[in-house]
Amino acid sequence: MSYLLRFHLLTSVMLASAGALGVALIAQYGYQLNPCELCSYQRIPYGSIILFGGLALAFGGWNRAAVGYLFGVIFLVGAALAFYHTGVEQHWWQSATSCGGHQPMPRSLAELKVGLTQSMSKQCDDIDWTLFGFSMSVYNIVASLVLSTACIFSARLKG
């Protein structure tokens, strides 16, 4: 029983992160909802949690409070990325990244041919899917904030 309690936070957030990445990959490959550049960036915090959590489990001797705070900060970064993406989707501001659709004019026939054979990446302000009027980035804000709060709260209890 103490083994389960010891790894509860770590395994829970790793499973939640794997679930979030799984949903994103199912949406991408199962339903052809291709991600834009910002969508892809939002996957990085979840991958980081899985990586750091796996390292903590593999090498042991980790400080649970420090890992909780680290995970909390990573999820806060994820929430900030998702909020930024929501702002781009809602046209509150423009994206600082190229976010697809903005290809330079070809200067030769060869460049034109190459450009025509490549698929254009999705623009970040295109919303392909909503549930109850909210896009995936809004749900990512909520999930990231809930997970961040849980990690920081757990770290405060452990520390």
C-alpha atoms as a PDB file:
ATOM      1  CA  MET A   1       0.000   0.000   0.000  1.00  0.00           C
ATOM      2  CA  SER A   2       2.806   2.452   0.818  1.00  0.00           C
ATOM      3  CA  TYR A   3       4.257   1.820  -2.661  1.00  0.00           C
ATOM      4  CA  LEU A   4       0.995   2.995  -4.243  1.00  0.00           C
ATOM      5  CA  LEU A   5       0.843   6.080  -2.049  1.00  0.00           C
ATOM      6  CA  ARG A   6       4.463   6.933  -2.780  1.00  0.00           C
ATOM      7  CA  PHE A   7       3.976   6.985  -6.553  1.00  0.00           C
ATOM      8  CA  HIS A   8       0.365   8.176  -6.625  1.00  0.00           C
ATOM      9  CA  LEU A   9       0.977  11.739  -7.849  1.00  0.00           C
ATOM     10  CA  LEU A  10       3.701  10.741 -10.254  1.00  0.00           C
ATOM     11  CA  THR A  11       1.772   7.934 -11.900  1.00  0.00           C
ATOM     12  CA  SER A  12      -1.505   9.879 -11.924  1.00  0.00           C
ATOM     13  CA  VAL A  13      -0.104  12.862 -13.789  1.00  0.00           C
ATOM     14  CA  MET A  14       1.871  10.607 -16.110  1.00  0.00           C
ATOM     15  CA  LEU A  15      -1.335   8.712 -16.950  1.00  0.00           C
ATOM     16  CA  ALA A  16      -3.243  11.981 -17.408  1.00  0.00           C
ATOM     17  CA  SER A  17      -0.485  13.245 -19.715  1.00  0.00           C
ATOM     18  CA  ALA A  18      -0.481  10.015 -21.700  1.00  0.00           C
ATOM     19  CA  GLY A  19      -4.258  10.281 -21.960  1.00  0.00           C
ATOM     20  CA  ALA A  20      -4.071  13.863 -23.228  1.00  0.00           C
ATOM     21  CA  LEU A  21      -1.478  12.911 -25.835  1.00  0.00           C
ATOM     22  CA  GLY A  22      -3.564   9.882 -26.756  1.00  0.00           C
ATOM     23  CA  VAL A  23      -6.649  12.039 -27.334  1.00  0.00           C
ATOM     24  CA  ALA A  24      -4.604  14.438 -29.483  1.00  0.00           C
ATOM     25  CA  LEU A  25      -3.195  11.591 -31.573  1.00  0.00           C
ATOM     26  CA  ILE A  26      -6.608   9.945 -31.990  1.00  0.00           C
ATOM     27  CA  ALA A  27      -8.048  13.292 -33.118  1.00  0.00           C
ATOM     28  CA  GLN A  28      -5.159  13.728 -35.549  1.00  0.00           C
ATOM     29  CA  TYR A  29      -4.935  10.259 -37.055  1.00  0.00           C
ATOM     30  CA  GLY A  30      -8.384   8.851 -36.358  1.00  0.00           C
ATOM     31  CA  TYR A  31     -10.451  11.894 -37.299  1.00  0.00           C
ATOM     32  CA  GLN A  32      -8.019  13.763 -39.584  1.00  0.00           C
ATOM     33  CA  LEU A  33      -7.964  16.859 -37.347  1.00  0.00           C
ATOM     34  CA  ASN A  34      -4.485  17.970 -38.329  1.00  0.00           C
ATOM     35  CA  PRO A  35      -2.750  20.125 -35.717  1.00  0.00           C
ATOM     36  CA  CYS A  36      -1.454  23.602 -36.347  1.00  0.00           C
ATOM     37  CA  GLU A  37       1.930  24.721 -35.042  1.00  0.00           C
ATOM     38  CA  LEU A  38       0.518  25.909 -31.706  1.00  0.00           C
ATOM     39  CA  CYS A  39      -1.439  22.651 -31.292  1.00  0.00           C
ATOM     40  CA  SER A  40       1.831  20.770 -31.669  1.00  0.00           C
ATOM     41  CA  TYR A  41       3.539  23.025 -29.113  1.00  0.00           C
ATOM     42  CA  GLN A  42       0.773  22.258 -26.600  1.00  0.00           C
ATOM     43  CA  ARG A  43       1.798  18.602 -26.645  1.00  0.00           C
ATOM     44  CA  ILE A  44       5.310  19.379 -25.363  1.00  0.00           C
ATOM     45  CA  PRO A  45       4.380  19.848 -21.668  1.00  0.00           C
ATOM     46  CA  TYR A  46       2.578  16.494 -21.625  1.00  0.00           C
ATOM     47  CA  GLY A  47       5.562  14.782 -23.218  1.00  0.00           C
ATOM     48  CA  SER A  48       7.854  16.500 -20.704  1.00  0.00           C
ATOM     49  CA  ILE A  49       5.785  15.197 -17.800  1.00  0.00           C
ATOM     50  CA  ILE A  50       6.018  11.653 -19.169  1.00  0.00           C
ATOM     51  CA  LEU A  51       9.784  12.014 -19.710  1.00  0.00           C
ATOM     52  CA  PHE A  52      10.592  13.513 -16.291  1.00  0.00           C
ATOM     53  CA  GLY A  53       8.155  11.187 -14.536  1.00  0.00           C
ATOM     54  CA  GLY A  54       9.716   8.183 -16.229  1.00  0.00           C
ATOM     55  CA  LEU A  55      13.178   9.341 -15.179  1.00  0.00           C
ATOM     56  CA  ALA A  56      12.010   9.857 -11.595  1.00  0.00           C
ATOM     57  CA  LEU A  57      10.499   6.374 -11.499  1.00  0.00           C
ATOM     58  CA  ALA A  58      13.521   4.767 -13.149  1.00  0.00           C
ATOM     59  CA  PHE A  59      16.177   6.319 -10.940  1.00  0.00           C
ATOM     60  CA  GLY A  60      14.270   6.623  -7.654  1.00  0.00           C
ATOM     61  CA  GLY A  61      15.456   8.733  -4.751  1.00  0.00           C
ATOM     62  CA  TRP A  62      13.498  11.719  -5.984  1.00  0.00           C
ATOM     63  CA  ASN A  63      12.148  14.492  -3.833  1.00  0.00           C
ATOM     64  CA  ARG A  64       8.365  14.250  -4.175  1.00  0.00           C
ATOM     65  CA  ALA A  65       7.792  17.898  -3.312  1.00  0.00           C
ATOM     66  CA  ALA A  66      10.327  19.089  -5.904  1.00  0.00           C
ATOM     67  CA  VAL A  67       8.822  16.831  -8.575  1.00  0.00           C
ATOM     68  CA  GLY A  68       5.343  18.099  -7.680  1.00  0.00           C
ATOM     69  CA  TYR A  69       6.451  21.715  -8.040  1.00  0.00           C
ATOM     70  CA  LEU A  70       8.269  20.938 -11.304  1.00  0.00           C
ATOM     71  CA  PHE A  71       5.173  19.245 -12.725  1.00  0.00           C
ATOM     72  CA  GLY A  72       3.006  22.133 -11.525  1.00  0.00           C
ATOM     73  CA  VAL A  73       5.193  24.639 -13.361  1.00  0.00           C
ATOM     74  CA  ILE A  74       5.238  22.491 -16.511  1.00  0.00           C
ATOM     75  CA  PHE A  75       1.437  22.331 -16.488  1.00  0.00           C
ATOM     76  CA  LEU A  76       1.280  26.120 -15.944  1.00  0.00           C
ATOM     77  CA  VAL A  77       3.426  26.559 -19.058  1.00  0.00           C
ATOM     78  CA  GLY A  78       0.997  24.265 -20.871  1.00  0.00           C
ATOM     79  CA  ALA A  79      -1.942  26.371 -19.683  1.00  0.00           C
ATOM     80  CA  ALA A  80      -0.188  29.535 -20.877  1.00  0.00           C
ATOM     81  CA  LEU A  81       0.427  27.995 -24.315  1.00  0.00           C
ATOM     82  CA  ALA A  82      -3.209  26.900 -24.529  1.00  0.00           C
ATOM     83  CA  PHE A  83      -4.418  30.368 -23.466  1.00  0.00           C
ATOM     84  CA  TYR A  84      -2.207  31.980 -26.096  1.00  0.00           C
ATOM     85  CA  HIS A  85      -3.606  29.593 -28.724  1.00  0.00           C
ATOM     86  CA  THR A  86      -7.166  30.380 -27.629  1.00  0.00           C
ATOM     87  CA  GLY A  87      -6.407  34.077 -28.083  1.00  0.00           C
ATOM     88  CA  VAL A  88      -5.154  33.411 -31.613  1.00  0.00           C
ATOM     89  CA  GLU A  89      -8.249  31.314 -32.394  1.00  0.00           C
ATOM     90  CA  GLN A  90     -10.563  34.035 -31.099  1.00  0.00           C
ATOM     91  CA  HIS A  91      -8.577  36.796 -32.878  1.00  0.00           C
ATOM     92  CA  TRP A  92      -7.743  38.550 -29.620  1.00  0.00           C
ATOM     93  CA  TRP A  93      -4.186  38.826 -30.966  1.00  0.00           C
ATOM     94  CA  GLN A  94      -2.126  37.530 -33.866  1.00  0.00           C
ATOM     95  CA  SER A  95       0.225  34.618 -33.559  1.00  0.00           C
ATOM     96  CA  ALA A  96       3.918  35.347 -33.189  1.00  0.00           C
ATOM     97  CA  THR A  97       4.670  32.143 -35.110  1.00  0.00           C
ATOM     98  CA  SER A  98       4.083  31.642 -38.813  1.00  0.00           C
ATOM     99  CA  CYS A  99       1.201  29.266 -38.019  1.00  0.00           C
ATOM    100  CA  GLY A 100       0.808  27.998 -41.554  1.00  0.00           C
ATOM    101  CA  GLY A 101      -0.785  29.506 -44.568  1.00  0.00           C
ATOM    102  CA  HIS A 102       1.827  32.214 -45.007  1.00  0.00           C
ATOM    103  CA  GLN A 103       4.155  30.898 -47.674  1.00  0.00           C
ATOM    104  CA  PRO A 104       6.605  33.224 -49.447  1.00  0.00           C
ATOM    105  CA  MET A 105       6.027  33.876 -53.136  1.00  0.00           C
ATOM    106  CA  PRO A 106       7.996  31.493 -55.362  1.00  0.00           C
ATOM    107  CA  ARG A 107      10.862  33.108 -57.265  1.00  0.00           C
ATOM    108  CA  SER A 108      11.164  30.420 -59.917  1.00  0.00           C
ATOM    109  CA  LEU A 109       9.167  27.717 -61.637  1.00  0.00           C
ATOM    110  CA  ALA A 110      11.044  25.059 -59.626  1.00  0.00           C
ATOM    111  CA  GLU A 111      10.029  26.718 -56.327  1.00  0.00           C
ATOM    112  CA  LEU A 112       6.433  26.901 -57.555  1.00  0.00           C
ATOM    113  CA  LYS A 113       6.409  23.173 -58.371  1.00  0.00           C
ATOM    114  CA  VAL A 114       7.838  22.314 -54.958  1.00  0.00           C
ATOM    115  CA  GLY A 115       5.271  24.553 -53.269  1.00  0.00           C
ATOM    116  CA  LEU A 116       2.404  22.909 -55.132  1.00  0.00           C
ATOM    117  CA  THR A 117       3.465  19.402 -54.119  1.00  0.00           C
ATOM    118  CA  GLN A 118       3.769  20.244 -50.417  1.00  0.00           C
ATOM    119  CA  SER A 119       0.675  20.415 -48.269  1.00  0.00           C
ATOM    120  CA  MET A 120       0.078  23.692 -46.472  1.00  0.00           C
ATOM    121  CA  SER A 121       0.158  23.543 -42.723  1.00  0.00           C
ATOM    122  CA  LYS A 122      -3.017  24.445 -40.894  1.00  0.00           C
ATOM    123  CA  GLN A 123      -3.543  28.006 -39.745  1.00  0.00           C
ATOM    124  CA  CYS A 124      -3.669  28.484 -35.987  1.00  0.00           C
ATOM    125  CA  ASP A 125      -6.890  30.493 -36.012  1.00  0.00           C
ATOM    126  CA  ASP A 126      -8.852  27.719 -37.781  1.00  0.00           C
ATOM    127  CA  ILE A 127     -11.007  25.824 -35.299  1.00  0.00           C
ATOM    128  CA  ASP A 128     -11.817  22.363 -36.644  1.00  0.00           C
ATOM    129  CA  TRP A 129     -13.672  20.937 -33.664  1.00  0.00           C
ATOM    130  CA  THR A 130     -15.691  22.274 -30.742  1.00  0.00           C
ATOM    131  CA  LEU A 131     -17.672  20.746 -27.906  1.00  0.00           C
ATOM    132  CA  PHE A 132     -20.299  22.990 -26.297  1.00  0.00           C
ATOM    133  CA  GLY A 133     -18.758  25.885 -28.231  1.00  0.00           C
ATOM    134  CA  PHE A 134     -15.242  25.433 -26.850  1.00  0.00           C
ATOM    135  CA  SER A 135     -12.185  24.367 -28.846  1.00  0.00           C
ATOM    136  CA  MET A 136      -9.585  21.831 -27.745  1.00  0.00           C
ATOM    137  CA  SER A 137      -7.267  24.622 -26.614  1.00  0.00           C
ATOM    138  CA  VAL A 138      -9.883  25.829 -24.098  1.00  0.00           C
ATOM    139  CA  TYR A 139     -10.218  22.315 -22.702  1.00  0.00           C
ATOM    140  CA  ASN A 140      -6.420  22.149 -22.528  1.00  0.00           C
ATOM    141  CA  ILE A 141      -6.375  25.339 -20.428  1.00  0.00           C
ATOM    142  CA  VAL A 142      -8.777  23.767 -17.944  1.00  0.00           C
ATOM    143  CA  ALA A 143      -6.973  20.414 -17.843  1.00  0.00           C
ATOM    144  CA  SER A 144      -3.554  22.042 -17.443  1.00  0.00           C
ATOM    145  CA  LEU A 145      -4.738  24.338 -14.644  1.00  0.00           C
ATOM    146  CA  VAL A 146      -6.430  21.474 -12.781  1.00  0.00           C
ATOM    147  CA  LEU A 147      -3.331  19.280 -13.091  1.00  0.00           C
ATOM    148  CA  SER A 148      -1.031  22.161 -12.104  1.00  0.00           C
ATOM    149  CA  THR A 149      -3.132  22.911  -9.039  1.00  0.00           C
ATOM    150  CA  ALA A 150      -3.156  19.237  -8.032  1.00  0.00           C
ATOM    151  CA  CYS A 151       0.626  18.968  -8.425  1.00  0.00           C
ATOM    152  CA  ILE A 152       1.391  22.152  -6.487  1.00  0.00           C
ATOM    153  CA  PHE A 153      -1.119  21.281  -3.750  1.00  0.00           C
ATOM    154  CA  SER A 154       0.388  17.810  -3.442  1.00  0.00           C
ATOM    155  CA  ALA A 155       3.908  19.279  -3.342  1.00  0.00           C
ATOM    156  CA  ARG A 156       2.885  21.635  -0.530  1.00  0.00           C
ATOM    157  CA  LEU A 157       1.567  18.676   1.462  1.00  0.00           C
ATOM    158  CA  LYS A 158       4.777  16.701   0.877  1.00  0.00           C
ATOM    159  CA  GLY A 159       7.117  19.633   1.506  1.00  0.00           C
END
